[in-house]
Structures are given as structure tokens and as C-alpha cells.
PDB file of N, CA and C in Angstrom:
ATOM      1  N   UNK A   1       1.662 -37.919  -0.277  1.00  0.00           N
ATOM      2  CA  UNK A   1       1.679 -36.496  -0.074  1.00  0.00           C
ATOM      3  C   UNK A   1       2.786 -35.819  -0.890  1.00  0.00           C
ATOM      4  N   UNK A   2       3.973 -36.396  -0.906  1.00  0.00           N
ATOM      5  CA  UNK A   2       5.079 -35.793  -1.629  1.00  0.00           C
ATOM      6  C   UNK A   2       5.185 -36.274  -3.073  1.00  0.00           C
ATOM      7  N   UNK A   3       4.296 -37.149  -3.514  1.00  0.00           N
ATOM      8  CA  UNK A   3       4.335 -37.748  -4.845  1.00  0.00           C
ATOM      9  C   UNK A   3       5.700 -38.385  -5.138  1.00  0.00           C
ATOM     10  N   UNK A   4       6.195 -39.132  -4.166  1.00  0.00           N
ATOM     11  CA  UNK A   4       7.455 -39.845  -4.305  1.00  0.00           C
ATOM     12  C   UNK A   4       7.140 -41.333  -4.336  1.00  0.00           C
ATOM     13  N   UNK A   5       7.555 -41.989  -5.410  1.00  0.00           N
ATOM     14  CA  UNK A   5       7.294 -43.415  -5.553  1.00  0.00           C
ATOM     15  C   UNK A   5       8.401 -44.276  -4.947  1.00  0.00           C
ATOM     16  N   UNK A   6       9.618 -43.771  -4.967  1.00  0.00           N
ATOM     17  CA  UNK A   6      10.726 -44.515  -4.377  1.00  0.00           C
ATOM     18  C   UNK A   6      11.763 -43.536  -3.831  1.00  0.00           C
ATOM     19  N   UNK A   7      12.639 -44.046  -3.009  1.00  0.00           N
ATOM     20  CA  UNK A   7      13.632 -43.202  -2.345  1.00  0.00           C
ATOM     21  C   UNK A   7      14.583 -42.527  -3.344  1.00  0.00           C
ATOM     22  N   UNK A   8      14.883 -43.197  -4.441  1.00  0.00           N
ATOM     23  CA  UNK A   8      15.815 -42.636  -5.421  1.00  0.00           C
ATOM     24  C   UNK A   8      15.270 -41.380  -6.095  1.00  0.00           C
ATOM     25  N   UNK A   9      13.957 -41.256  -6.199  1.00  0.00           N
ATOM     26  CA  UNK A   9      13.382 -40.089  -6.870  1.00  0.00           C
ATOM     27  C   UNK A   9      13.161 -38.910  -5.916  1.00  0.00           C
ATOM     28  N   UNK A  10      13.429 -39.103  -4.628  1.00  0.00           N
ATOM     29  CA  UNK A  10      13.236 -38.035  -3.644  1.00  0.00           C
ATOM     30  C   UNK A  10      14.444 -37.104  -3.629  1.00  0.00           C
ATOM     31  N   UNK A  11      14.189 -35.814  -3.760  1.00  0.00           N
ATOM     32  CA  UNK A  11      15.247 -34.814  -3.663  1.00  0.00           C
ATOM     33  C   UNK A  11      14.975 -34.002  -2.402  1.00  0.00           C
ATOM     34  N   UNK A  12      15.859 -34.117  -1.435  1.00  0.00           N
ATOM     35  CA  UNK A  12      15.648 -33.515  -0.120  1.00  0.00           C
ATOM     36  C   UNK A  12      15.928 -32.013  -0.126  1.00  0.00           C
ATOM     37  N   UNK A  13      15.528 -31.387   0.954  1.00  0.00           N
ATOM     38  CA  UNK A  13      15.817 -29.961   1.150  1.00  0.00           C
ATOM     39  C   UNK A  13      17.320 -29.717   1.141  1.00  0.00           C
ATOM     40  N   UNK A  14      18.081 -30.580   1.789  1.00  0.00           N
ATOM     41  CA  UNK A  14      19.533 -30.402   1.831  1.00  0.00           C
ATOM     42  C   UNK A  14      20.140 -30.437   0.433  1.00  0.00           C
ATOM     43  N   UNK A  15      19.663 -31.354  -0.391  1.00  0.00           N
ATOM     44  CA  UNK A  15      20.161 -31.443  -1.768  1.00  0.00           C
ATOM     45  C   UNK A  15      19.836 -30.177  -2.540  1.00  0.00           C
ATOM     46  N   UNK A  16      18.602 -29.700  -2.402  1.00  0.00           N
ATOM     47  CA  UNK A  16      18.224 -28.457  -3.075  1.00  0.00           C
ATOM     48  C   UNK A  16      19.042 -27.292  -2.545  1.00  0.00           C
ATOM     49  N   UNK A  17      19.301 -27.242  -1.239  1.00  0.00           N
ATOM     50  CA  UNK A  17      20.093 -26.163  -0.673  1.00  0.00           C
ATOM     51  C   UNK A  17      21.490 -26.156  -1.274  1.00  0.00           C
ATOM     52  N   UNK A  18      22.095 -27.334  -1.379  1.00  0.00           N
ATOM     53  CA  UNK A  18      23.448 -27.435  -1.953  1.00  0.00           C
ATOM     54  C   UNK A  18      23.455 -27.018  -3.418  1.00  0.00           C
ATOM     55  N   UNK A  19      22.423 -27.397  -4.160  1.00  0.00           N
ATOM     56  CA  UNK A  19      22.326 -27.001  -5.567  1.00  0.00           C
ATOM     57  C   UNK A  19      22.248 -25.480  -5.689  1.00  0.00           C
ATOM     58  N   UNK A  20      21.398 -24.873  -4.868  1.00  0.00           N
ATOM     59  CA  UNK A  20      21.259 -23.415  -4.905  1.00  0.00           C
ATOM     60  C   UNK A  20      22.571 -22.746  -4.514  1.00  0.00           C
ATOM     61  N   UNK A  21      23.250 -23.297  -3.526  1.00  0.00           N
ATOM     62  CA  UNK A  21      24.523 -22.734  -3.077  1.00  0.00           C
ATOM     63  C   UNK A  21      25.557 -22.787  -4.196  1.00  0.00           C
ATOM     64  N   UNK A  22      25.617 -23.899  -4.937  1.00  0.00           N
ATOM     65  CA  UNK A  22      26.531 -24.004  -6.076  1.00  0.00           C
ATOM     66  C   UNK A  22      26.184 -22.982  -7.152  1.00  0.00           C
ATOM     67  N   UNK A  23      24.899 -22.817  -7.428  1.00  0.00           N
ATOM     68  CA  UNK A  23      24.469 -21.855  -8.436  1.00  0.00           C
ATOM     69  C   UNK A  23      24.809 -20.426  -7.997  1.00  0.00           C
ATOM     70  N   UNK A  24      24.602 -20.110  -6.734  1.00  0.00           N
ATOM     71  CA  UNK A  24      24.954 -18.781  -6.226  1.00  0.00           C
ATOM     72  C   UNK A  24      26.451 -18.526  -6.352  1.00  0.00           C
ATOM     73  N   UNK A  25      27.263 -19.531  -6.014  1.00  0.00           N
ATOM     74  CA  UNK A  25      28.713 -19.374  -6.148  1.00  0.00           C
ATOM     75  C   UNK A  25      29.121 -19.202  -7.604  1.00  0.00           C
ATOM     76  N   UNK A  26      28.488 -19.954  -8.491  1.00  0.00           N
ATOM     77  CA  UNK A  26      28.771 -19.842  -9.930  1.00  0.00           C
ATOM     78  C   UNK A  26      28.495 -18.416 -10.398  1.00  0.00           C
ATOM     79  N   UNK A  27      27.380 -17.859  -9.965  1.00  0.00           N
ATOM     80  CA  UNK A  27      27.028 -16.501 -10.364  1.00  0.00           C
ATOM     81  C   UNK A  27      27.950 -15.467  -9.707  1.00  0.00           C
ATOM     82  N   UNK A  28      28.406 -15.729  -8.490  1.00  0.00           N
ATOM     83  CA  UNK A  28      29.365 -14.841  -7.825  1.00  0.00           C
ATOM     84  C   UNK A  28      30.667 -14.764  -8.620  1.00  0.00           C
ATOM     85  N   UNK A  29      31.166 -15.926  -9.041  1.00  0.00           N
ATOM     86  CA  UNK A  29      32.414 -15.966  -9.798  1.00  0.00           C
ATOM     87  C   UNK A  29      32.232 -15.263 -11.138  1.00  0.00           C
ATOM     88  N   UNK A  30      31.074 -15.445 -11.750  1.00  0.00           N
ATOM     89  CA  UNK A  30      30.776 -14.799 -13.020  1.00  0.00           C
ATOM     90  C   UNK A  30      30.851 -13.273 -12.873  1.00  0.00           C
ATOM     91  N   UNK A  31      30.410 -12.769 -11.736  1.00  0.00           N
ATOM     92  CA  UNK A  31      30.427 -11.327 -11.488  1.00  0.00           C
ATOM     93  C   UNK A  31      31.804 -10.839 -11.034  1.00  0.00           C
ATOM     94  N   UNK A  32      32.758 -11.751 -10.918  1.00  0.00           N
ATOM     95  CA  UNK A  32      34.109 -11.373 -10.535  1.00  0.00           C
ATOM     96  C   UNK A  32      34.330 -11.294  -9.037  1.00  0.00           C
ATOM     97  N   UNK A  33      33.444 -11.877  -8.281  1.00  0.00           N
ATOM     98  CA  UNK A  33      33.575 -11.866  -6.826  1.00  0.00           C
ATOM     99  C   UNK A  33      34.056 -13.234  -6.354  1.00  0.00           C
ATOM    100  N   UNK A  34      34.378 -13.330  -5.085  1.00  0.00           N
ATOM    101  CA  UNK A  34      34.867 -14.583  -4.516  1.00  0.00           C
ATOM    102  C   UNK A  34      33.740 -15.531  -4.154  1.00  0.00           C
ATOM    103  N   UNK A  35      34.134 -16.735  -3.802  1.00  0.00           N
ATOM    104  CA  UNK A  35      33.161 -17.746  -3.385  1.00  0.00           C
ATOM    105  C   UNK A  35      32.526 -17.384  -2.054  1.00  0.00           C
ATOM    106  N   UNK A  36      31.284 -17.762  -1.895  1.00  0.00           N
ATOM    107  CA  UNK A  36      30.622 -17.625  -0.613  1.00  0.00           C
ATOM    108  C   UNK A  36      31.212 -18.665   0.335  1.00  0.00           C
ATOM    109  N   UNK A  37      31.227 -18.389   1.611  1.00  0.00           N
ATOM    110  CA  UNK A  37      31.805 -19.351   2.546  1.00  0.00           C
ATOM    111  C   UNK A  37      30.782 -20.430   2.898  1.00  0.00           C
ATOM    112  N   UNK A  38      31.279 -21.639   3.031  1.00  0.00           N
ATOM    113  CA  UNK A  38      30.430 -22.769   3.380  1.00  0.00           C
ATOM    114  C   UNK A  38      30.140 -22.755   4.873  1.00  0.00           C
ATOM    115  N   UNK A  39      29.057 -23.393   5.275  1.00  0.00           N
ATOM    116  CA  UNK A  39      28.770 -23.496   6.707  1.00  0.00           C
ATOM    117  C   UNK A  39      29.898 -24.229   7.438  1.00  0.00           C
ATOM    118  N   UNK A  40      30.104 -23.889   8.679  1.00  0.00           N
ATOM    119  CA  UNK A  40      31.160 -24.499   9.485  1.00  0.00           C
ATOM    120  C   UNK A  40      30.670 -25.820  10.075  1.00  0.00           C
ATOM    121  N   UNK A  41      30.467 -26.808   9.213  1.00  0.00           N
ATOM    122  CA  UNK A  41      30.034 -28.126   9.637  1.00  0.00           C
ATOM    123  C   UNK A  41      30.935 -29.167   8.985  1.00  0.00           C
ATOM    124  N   UNK A  42      31.042 -30.301   9.624  1.00  0.00           N
ATOM    125  CA  UNK A  42      31.963 -31.351   9.183  1.00  0.00           C
ATOM    126  C   UNK A  42      31.645 -31.841   7.769  1.00  0.00           C
ATOM    127  N   UNK A  43      30.367 -31.960   7.434  1.00  0.00           N
ATOM    128  CA  UNK A  43      30.016 -32.520   6.126  1.00  0.00           C
ATOM    129  C   UNK A  43      30.422 -31.634   4.949  1.00  0.00           C
ATOM    130  N   UNK A  44      30.785 -30.381   5.208  1.00  0.00           N
ATOM    131  CA  UNK A  44      31.213 -29.487   4.131  1.00  0.00           C
ATOM    132  C   UNK A  44      32.729 -29.438   3.983  1.00  0.00           C
ATOM    133  N   UNK A  45      33.465 -30.089   4.879  1.00  0.00           N
ATOM    134  CA  UNK A  45      34.928 -30.063   4.816  1.00  0.00           C
ATOM    135  C   UNK A  45      35.455 -30.640   3.504  1.00  0.00           C
ATOM    136  N   UNK A  46      34.851 -31.721   3.037  1.00  0.00           N
ATOM    137  CA  UNK A  46      35.298 -32.343   1.780  1.00  0.00           C
ATOM    138  C   UNK A  46      35.110 -31.382   0.603  1.00  0.00           C
ATOM    139  N   UNK A  47      33.992 -30.694   0.580  1.00  0.00           N
ATOM    140  CA  UNK A  47      33.725 -29.744  -0.501  1.00  0.00           C
ATOM    141  C   UNK A  47      34.692 -28.573  -0.427  1.00  0.00           C
ATOM    142  N   UNK A  48      34.952 -28.067   0.772  1.00  0.00           N
ATOM    143  CA  UNK A  48      35.911 -26.970   0.950  1.00  0.00           C
ATOM    144  C   UNK A  48      37.283 -27.374   0.430  1.00  0.00           C
ATOM    145  N   UNK A  49      37.713 -28.588   0.772  1.00  0.00           N
ATOM    146  CA  UNK A  49      39.016 -29.081   0.317  1.00  0.00           C
ATOM    147  C   UNK A  49      39.061 -29.222  -1.193  1.00  0.00           C
ATOM    148  N   UNK A  50      37.949 -29.673  -1.772  1.00  0.00           N
ATOM    149  CA  UNK A  50      37.875 -29.831  -3.227  1.00  0.00           C
ATOM    150  C   UNK A  50      38.069 -28.480  -3.924  1.00  0.00           C
ATOM    151  N   UNK A  51      37.441 -27.443  -3.408  1.00  0.00           N
ATOM    152  CA  UNK A  51      37.566 -26.116  -4.010  1.00  0.00           C
ATOM    153  C   UNK A  51      38.910 -25.474  -3.700  1.00  0.00           C
ATOM    154  N   UNK A  52      39.481 -25.792  -2.546  1.00  0.00           N
ATOM    155  CA  UNK A  52      40.788 -25.241  -2.197  1.00  0.00           C
ATOM    156  C   UNK A  52      41.889 -25.805  -3.080  1.00  0.00           C
ATOM    157  N   UNK A  53      41.692 -27.027  -3.578  1.00  0.00           N
ATOM    158  CA  UNK A  53      42.728 -27.676  -4.388  1.00  0.00           C
ATOM    159  C   UNK A  53      42.602 -27.408  -5.882  1.00  0.00           C
ATOM    160  N   UNK A  54      41.602 -26.644  -6.307  1.00  0.00           N
ATOM    161  CA  UNK A  54      41.430 -26.384  -7.734  1.00  0.00           C
ATOM    162  C   UNK A  54      41.897 -24.972  -8.094  1.00  0.00           C
ATOM    163  N   UNK A  55      42.383 -24.840  -9.324  1.00  0.00           N
ATOM    164  CA  UNK A  55      42.806 -23.528  -9.812  1.00  0.00           C
ATOM    165  C   UNK A  55      41.657 -22.766 -10.447  1.00  0.00           C
ATOM    166  N   UNK A  56      40.603 -23.503 -10.869  1.00  0.00           N
ATOM    167  CA  UNK A  56      39.486 -22.885 -11.565  1.00  0.00           C
ATOM    168  C   UNK A  56      38.171 -23.286 -10.897  1.00  0.00           C
ATOM    169  N   UNK A  57      37.768 -22.578  -9.835  1.00  0.00           N
ATOM    170  CA  UNK A  57      36.528 -22.950  -9.148  1.00  0.00           C
ATOM    171  C   UNK A  57      35.286 -22.776 -10.020  1.00  0.00           C
ATOM    172  N   UNK A  58      35.328 -21.849 -10.976  1.00  0.00           N
ATOM    173  CA  UNK A  58      34.191 -21.652 -11.878  1.00  0.00           C
ATOM    174  C   UNK A  58      33.913 -22.881 -12.721  1.00  0.00           C
ATOM    175  N   UNK A  59      34.966 -23.512 -13.225  1.00  0.00           N
ATOM    176  CA  UNK A  59      34.793 -24.730 -14.028  1.00  0.00           C
ATOM    177  C   UNK A  59      34.272 -25.873 -13.171  1.00  0.00           C
ATOM    178  N   UNK A  60      34.761 -25.960 -11.947  1.00  0.00           N
ATOM    179  CA  UNK A  60      34.291 -27.004 -11.033  1.00  0.00           C
ATOM    180  C   UNK A  60      32.811 -26.810 -10.697  1.00  0.00           C
ATOM    181  N   UNK A  61      32.418 -25.566 -10.448  1.00  0.00           N
ATOM    182  CA  UNK A  61      31.016 -25.285 -10.171  1.00  0.00           C
ATOM    183  C   UNK A  61      30.131 -25.577 -11.380  1.00  0.00           C
ATOM    184  N   UNK A  62      30.604 -25.204 -12.558  1.00  0.00           N
ATOM    185  CA  UNK A  62      29.828 -25.474 -13.773  1.00  0.00           C
ATOM    186  C   UNK A  62      29.630 -26.973 -13.960  1.00  0.00           C
ATOM    187  N   UNK A  63      30.678 -27.742 -13.715  1.00  0.00           N
ATOM    188  CA  UNK A  63      30.584 -29.202 -13.814  1.00  0.00           C
ATOM    189  C   UNK A  63      29.551 -29.748 -12.831  1.00  0.00           C
ATOM    190  N   UNK A  64      29.539 -29.222 -11.623  1.00  0.00           N
ATOM    191  CA  UNK A  64      28.557 -29.654 -10.618  1.00  0.00           C
ATOM    192  C   UNK A  64      27.140 -29.269 -11.042  1.00  0.00           C
ATOM    193  N   UNK A  65      26.980 -28.083 -11.615  1.00  0.00           N
ATOM    194  CA  UNK A  65      25.661 -27.631 -12.065  1.00  0.00           C
ATOM    195  C   UNK A  65      25.150 -28.453 -13.243  1.00  0.00           C
ATOM    196  N   UNK A  66      26.045 -28.814 -14.147  1.00  0.00           N
ATOM    197  CA  UNK A  66      25.638 -29.583 -15.331  1.00  0.00           C
ATOM    198  C   UNK A  66      25.138 -30.976 -14.976  1.00  0.00           C
ATOM    199  N   UNK A  67      25.477 -31.463 -13.790  1.00  0.00           N
ATOM    200  CA  UNK A  67      25.011 -32.785 -13.365  1.00  0.00           C
ATOM    201  C   UNK A  67      23.513 -32.799 -13.098  1.00  0.00           C
ATOM    202  N   UNK A  68      22.932 -31.661 -12.695  1.00  0.00           N
ATOM    203  CA  UNK A  68      21.517 -31.663 -12.347  1.00  0.00           C
ATOM    204  C   UNK A  68      20.685 -30.639 -13.122  1.00  0.00           C
ATOM    205  N   UNK A  69      21.311 -29.626 -13.678  1.00  0.00           N
ATOM    206  CA  UNK A  69      20.557 -28.606 -14.410  1.00  0.00           C
ATOM    207  C   UNK A  69      20.235 -29.103 -15.818  1.00  0.00           C
ATOM    208  N   UNK A  70      18.982 -28.982 -16.200  1.00  0.00           N
ATOM    209  CA  UNK A  70      18.532 -29.396 -17.522  1.00  0.00           C
ATOM    210  C   UNK A  70      18.978 -28.362 -18.556  1.00  0.00           C
ATOM    211  N   UNK A  71      19.771 -28.759 -19.556  1.00  0.00           N
ATOM    212  CA  UNK A  71      20.242 -27.791 -20.554  1.00  0.00           C
ATOM    213  C   UNK A  71      19.107 -27.164 -21.373  1.00  0.00           C
ATOM    214  N   UNK A  72      17.961 -27.820 -21.424  1.00  0.00           N
ATOM    215  CA  UNK A  72      16.814 -27.233 -22.123  1.00  0.00           C
ATOM    216  C   UNK A  72      16.155 -26.144 -21.281  1.00  0.00           C
ATOM    217  N   UNK A  73      16.393 -26.178 -19.976  1.00  0.00           N
ATOM    218  CA  UNK A  73      15.784 -25.224 -19.063  1.00  0.00           C
ATOM    219  C   UNK A  73      16.656 -23.997 -18.824  1.00  0.00           C
ATOM    220  N   UNK A  74      17.966 -24.196 -18.839  1.00  0.00           N
ATOM    221  CA  UNK A  74      18.876 -23.084 -18.534  1.00  0.00           C
ATOM    222  C   UNK A  74      20.122 -23.166 -19.406  1.00  0.00           C
ATOM    223  N   UNK A  75      20.539 -21.990 -19.883  1.00  0.00           N
ATOM    224  CA  UNK A  75      21.802 -21.864 -20.596  1.00  0.00           C
ATOM    225  C   UNK A  75      22.781 -21.247 -19.605  1.00  0.00           C
ATOM    226  N   UNK A  76      23.749 -22.027 -19.138  1.00  0.00           N
ATOM    227  CA  UNK A  76      24.675 -21.566 -18.110  1.00  0.00           C
ATOM    228  C   UNK A  76      25.635 -20.496 -18.612  1.00  0.00           C
ATOM    229  N   UNK A  77      25.582 -20.185 -19.907  1.00  0.00           N
ATOM    230  CA  UNK A  77      26.402 -19.114 -20.463  1.00  0.00           C
ATOM    231  C   UNK A  77      25.636 -17.800 -20.579  1.00  0.00           C
ATOM    232  N   UNK A  78      24.360 -17.806 -20.214  1.00  0.00           N
ATOM    233  CA  UNK A  78      23.506 -16.624 -20.330  1.00  0.00           C
ATOM    234  C   UNK A  78      23.137 -16.124 -18.925  1.00  0.00           C
ATOM    235  N   UNK A  79      23.521 -14.876 -18.613  1.00  0.00           N
ATOM    236  CA  UNK A  79      23.271 -14.318 -17.290  1.00  0.00           C
ATOM    237  C   UNK A  79      21.786 -14.286 -16.948  1.00  0.00           C
ATOM    238  N   UNK A  80      20.955 -13.886 -17.907  1.00  0.00           N
ATOM    239  CA  UNK A  80      19.513 -13.795 -17.659  1.00  0.00           C
ATOM    240  C   UNK A  80      18.923 -15.171 -17.360  1.00  0.00           C
ATOM    241  N   UNK A  81      19.359 -16.186 -18.104  1.00  0.00           N
ATOM    242  CA  UNK A  81      18.893 -17.552 -17.851  1.00  0.00           C
ATOM    243  C   UNK A  81      19.288 -18.013 -16.448  1.00  0.00           C
ATOM    244  N   UNK A  82      20.511 -17.685 -16.043  1.00  0.00           N
ATOM    245  CA  UNK A  82      20.974 -18.081 -14.707  1.00  0.00           C
ATOM    246  C   UNK A  82      20.165 -17.384 -13.616  1.00  0.00           C
ATOM    247  N   UNK A  83      19.819 -16.117 -13.825  1.00  0.00           N
ATOM    248  CA  UNK A  83      19.000 -15.411 -12.838  1.00  0.00           C
ATOM    249  C   UNK A  83      17.611 -16.032 -12.732  1.00  0.00           C
ATOM    250  N   UNK A  84      17.020 -16.343 -13.877  1.00  0.00           N
ATOM    251  CA  UNK A  84      15.704 -16.979 -13.873  1.00  0.00           C
ATOM    252  C   UNK A  84      15.799 -18.348 -13.203  1.00  0.00           C
ATOM    253  N   UNK A  85      16.855 -19.079 -13.526  1.00  0.00           N
ATOM    254  CA  UNK A  85      17.060 -20.407 -12.949  1.00  0.00           C
ATOM    255  C   UNK A  85      17.282 -20.314 -11.438  1.00  0.00           C
ATOM    256  N   UNK A  86      17.940 -19.259 -10.986  1.00  0.00           N
ATOM    257  CA  UNK A  86      18.128 -19.057  -9.545  1.00  0.00           C
ATOM    258  C   UNK A  86      16.777 -18.868  -8.873  1.00  0.00           C
ATOM    259  N   UNK A  87      15.891 -18.099  -9.486  1.00  0.00           N
ATOM    260  CA  UNK A  87      14.557 -17.885  -8.935  1.00  0.00           C
ATOM    261  C   UNK A  87      13.797 -19.202  -8.843  1.00  0.00           C
ATOM    262  N   UNK A  88      13.847 -20.005  -9.911  1.00  0.00           N
ATOM    263  CA  UNK A  88      13.155 -21.293  -9.918  1.00  0.00           C
ATOM    264  C   UNK A  88      13.755 -22.248  -8.889  1.00  0.00           C
ATOM    265  N   UNK A  89      15.068 -22.200  -8.729  1.00  0.00           N
ATOM    266  CA  UNK A  89      15.735 -23.045  -7.742  1.00  0.00           C
ATOM    267  C   UNK A  89      15.345 -22.621  -6.332  1.00  0.00           C
ATOM    268  N   UNK A  90      15.245 -21.314  -6.100  1.00  0.00           N
ATOM    269  CA  UNK A  90      14.782 -20.823  -4.798  1.00  0.00           C
ATOM    270  C   UNK A  90      13.387 -21.358  -4.483  1.00  0.00           C
ATOM    271  N   UNK A  91      12.525 -21.389  -5.478  1.00  0.00           N
ATOM    272  CA  UNK A  91      11.184 -21.929  -5.277  1.00  0.00           C
ATOM    273  C   UNK A  91      11.238 -23.417  -4.940  1.00  0.00           C
ATOM    274  N   UNK A  92      12.114 -24.155  -5.617  1.00  0.00           N
ATOM    275  CA  UNK A  92      12.252 -25.591  -5.336  1.00  0.00           C
ATOM    276  C   UNK A  92      12.790 -25.836  -3.923  1.00  0.00           C
ATOM    277  N   UNK A  93      13.714 -24.983  -3.490  1.00  0.00           N
ATOM    278  CA  UNK A  93      14.247 -25.098  -2.127  1.00  0.00           C
ATOM    279  C   UNK A  93      13.128 -24.877  -1.122  1.00  0.00           C
ATOM    280  N   UNK A  94      12.315 -23.861  -1.364  1.00  0.00           N
ATOM    281  CA  UNK A  94      11.212 -23.570  -0.447  1.00  0.00           C
ATOM    282  C   UNK A  94      10.201 -24.713  -0.417  1.00  0.00           C
ATOM    283  N   UNK A  95       9.874 -25.270  -1.591  1.00  0.00           N
ATOM    284  CA  UNK A  95       8.927 -26.389  -1.648  1.00  0.00           C
ATOM    285  C   UNK A  95       9.454 -27.601  -0.883  1.00  0.00           C
ATOM    286  N   UNK A  96      10.742 -27.898  -1.073  1.00  0.00           N
ATOM    287  CA  UNK A  96      11.344 -29.042  -0.379  1.00  0.00           C
ATOM    288  C   UNK A  96      11.346 -28.813   1.131  1.00  0.00           C
ATOM    289  N   UNK A  97      11.646 -27.602   1.542  1.00  0.00           N
ATOM    290  CA  UNK A  97      11.643 -27.279   2.973  1.00  0.00           C
ATOM    291  C   UNK A  97      10.244 -27.453   3.561  1.00  0.00           C
ATOM    292  N   UNK A  98       9.248 -26.900   2.886  1.00  0.00           N
ATOM    293  CA  UNK A  98       7.874 -26.981   3.383  1.00  0.00           C
ATOM    294  C   UNK A  98       7.384 -28.433   3.413  1.00  0.00           C
ATOM    295  N   UNK A  99       7.745 -29.215   2.404  1.00  0.00           N
ATOM    296  CA  UNK A  99       7.332 -30.620   2.368  1.00  0.00           C
ATOM    297  C   UNK A  99       7.933 -31.391   3.533  1.00  0.00           C
ATOM    298  N   UNK A 100       9.215 -31.163   3.813  1.00  0.00           N
ATOM    299  CA  UNK A 100       9.838 -31.859   4.941  1.00  0.00           C
ATOM    300  C   UNK A 100       9.273 -31.373   6.268  1.00  0.00           C
ATOM    301  N   UNK A 101       9.008 -30.083   6.376  1.00  0.00           N
ATOM    302  CA  UNK A 101       8.421 -29.553   7.598  1.00  0.00           C
ATOM    303  C   UNK A 101       7.025 -30.128   7.835  1.00  0.00           C
ATOM    304  N   UNK A 102       6.209 -30.207   6.802  1.00  0.00           N
ATOM    305  CA  UNK A 102       4.873 -30.778   6.933  1.00  0.00           C
ATOM    306  C   UNK A 102       4.927 -32.247   7.322  1.00  0.00           C
ATOM    307  N   UNK A 103       5.899 -32.965   6.777  1.00  0.00           N
ATOM    308  CA  UNK A 103       6.054 -34.373   7.132  1.00  0.00           C
ATOM    309  C   UNK A 103       6.419 -34.525   8.605  1.00  0.00           C
ATOM    310  N   UNK A 104       7.306 -33.675   9.091  1.00  0.00           N
ATOM    311  CA  UNK A 104       7.697 -33.726  10.495  1.00  0.00           C
ATOM    312  C   UNK A 104       6.511 -33.393  11.391  1.00  0.00           C
ATOM    313  N   UNK A 105       5.752 -32.392  11.023  1.00  0.00           N
ATOM    314  CA  UNK A 105       4.604 -31.986  11.838  1.00  0.00           C
ATOM    315  C   UNK A 105       3.569 -33.103  11.910  1.00  0.00           C
ATOM    316  N   UNK A 106       3.386 -33.844  10.837  1.00  0.00           N
ATOM    317  CA  UNK A 106       2.401 -34.931  10.830  1.00  0.00           C
ATOM    318  C   UNK A 106       2.776 -36.048  11.792  1.00  0.00           C
ATOM    319  N   UNK A 107       4.067 -36.213  12.031  1.00  0.00           N
ATOM    320  CA  UNK A 107       4.499 -37.274  12.939  1.00  0.00           C
ATOM    321  C   UNK A 107       4.642 -36.707  14.321  1.00  0.00           C
TER     322      UNK A 107
END
């Protein structure tokens, strides 16, 4: 149903959510605004500490984005590309959410 052949190729809703959150923060910093606040959950404490200890959160976010964003798909130096990429990422988040929800409903 999900066209997943092995566990390593599966990208969960949580992973997509975190990717979108990083992209949103990257765009916030680009616009000269502050970082969005992370959810108040234990698993985000490490990420909060990582950003609290850096002098350049924009560079840290860009590094995180470059790990998964295809450079042929998005130019992280172009505002229009980032907006389009945000839209595509939102669609991927929704697809991952719906796929996990459908899997839960089937069981």
C-alpha cells in the first residue's frame, strides 16, 4: 500500500513534520524574524539545546536542510524556490499523515 520495500526507505510523518519545521524556521530567519518555538516535548529538548548553543541558527538550519533537500529540486538561496519547496513539502507531510492514518484504520 505504501510502496515501501524496506524500513530504511520509509519516511514517516514525524520525519516529514520535522523537515517542514526546519524549512519554515529557515524561511523565518531569512525574513529577519525569530525561530518558531518547538513543541514542549522531551524529544525536542536536544534540538532546542543545539540551537541555543549556536551563534548562527540560519547556517545550522541550512545544513540540516541540505541533508535531505535535493539541490536539483530547490535552490536554498532563492526565495521563490524555497516557497515552492515549502508547498511541495506540505504536500509530502499530508501524504505521510494520510498514509499512516490509513494504516492505523486498517488495523
